[in-house]
């Protein structure tokens, strides 16, 4: 059985994947793609949130992914 990826390994992998995004998508993410060490607790439906997309506001457009989830 393989051990889960560490936070650092996941961050490196995410950086490599982000570099492969088509230019039109990457340009619109002025806040980038951010990996957070936080786990989002499951909601009342029992589903976990793996990530969220944010648009507008002071931070612009960006994606947050939750490593612990």
Protein backbone atom coordinates (compact mmCIF):
# COMPACT_ATOMS: atom_id res chain seq x y z
CA UNK A 1 0.00 0.00 0.00
CA UNK A 2 1.29 3.47 -0.85
CA UNK A 3 1.70 6.09 1.85
CA UNK A 4 -0.31 9.29 1.34
CA UNK A 5 1.53 12.25 -0.13
CA UNK A 6 2.90 14.77 2.35
CA UNK A 7 1.75 18.37 2.26
CA UNK A 8 5.02 19.37 0.58
CA UNK A 9 4.75 16.63 -2.05
CA UNK A 10 1.16 17.62 -2.74
CA UNK A 11 2.16 21.29 -3.11
CA UNK A 12 4.90 20.39 -5.63
CA UNK A 13 2.48 18.20 -7.60
CA UNK A 14 -0.14 20.95 -7.60
CA UNK A 15 2.43 23.48 -8.88
CA UNK A 16 3.30 21.14 -11.75
CA UNK A 17 -0.37 20.66 -12.62
CA UNK A 18 -1.06 24.41 -12.44
CA UNK A 19 1.74 25.00 -14.96
CA UNK A 20 -0.19 22.80 -17.42
CA UNK A 21 -3.41 24.85 -17.28
CA UNK A 22 -4.38 26.46 -20.59
CA UNK A 23 -3.33 30.14 -20.69
CA UNK A 24 -6.91 31.41 -20.82
CA UNK A 25 -7.73 29.74 -17.50
CA UNK A 26 -4.48 30.59 -15.74
CA UNK A 27 -4.68 34.29 -16.68
CA UNK A 28 -8.06 34.64 -14.99
CA UNK A 29 -6.79 33.21 -11.70
CA UNK A 30 -4.98 36.34 -10.55
CA UNK A 31 -4.90 34.96 -6.99
CA UNK A 32 -3.60 31.59 -8.15
CA UNK A 33 -4.24 28.13 -6.77
CA UNK A 34 -3.55 27.79 -3.07
CA UNK A 35 -3.09 24.60 -1.08
CA UNK A 36 -4.08 24.98 2.56
CA UNK A 37 -3.21 22.46 5.28
CA UNK A 38 -6.70 22.80 6.74
CA UNK A 39 -9.25 20.04 6.61
CA UNK A 40 -12.81 21.16 6.05
CA UNK A 41 -15.18 19.16 8.24
CA UNK A 42 -17.90 17.21 6.50
CA UNK A 43 -21.21 18.99 6.22
CA UNK A 44 -24.56 17.76 7.45
CA UNK A 45 -24.81 15.68 4.29
CA UNK A 46 -21.58 13.85 5.20
CA UNK A 47 -19.69 15.25 2.20
CA UNK A 48 -16.31 16.90 2.55
CA UNK A 49 -15.29 20.09 0.76
CA UNK A 50 -12.09 19.45 -1.18
CA UNK A 51 -11.71 22.96 -2.51
CA UNK A 52 -13.43 26.22 -3.35
CA UNK A 53 -13.36 28.79 -6.14
CA UNK A 54 -13.55 32.47 -5.22
CA UNK A 55 -14.35 35.31 -7.61
CA UNK A 56 -14.39 39.01 -6.91
CA UNK A 57 -13.52 40.99 -3.85
CA UNK A 58 -10.07 42.25 -2.96
CA UNK A 59 -8.33 38.95 -3.67
CA UNK A 60 -9.70 38.55 -7.20
CA UNK A 61 -10.17 35.06 -8.58
CA UNK A 62 -8.48 32.14 -6.92
CA UNK A 63 -8.85 28.50 -5.94
CA UNK A 64 -8.30 27.05 -2.47
CA UNK A 65 -7.66 23.33 -2.10
CA UNK A 66 -7.73 21.70 1.33
CA UNK A 67 -4.96 19.16 1.87
CA UNK A 68 -6.53 17.54 4.91
CA UNK A 69 -9.80 16.84 3.15
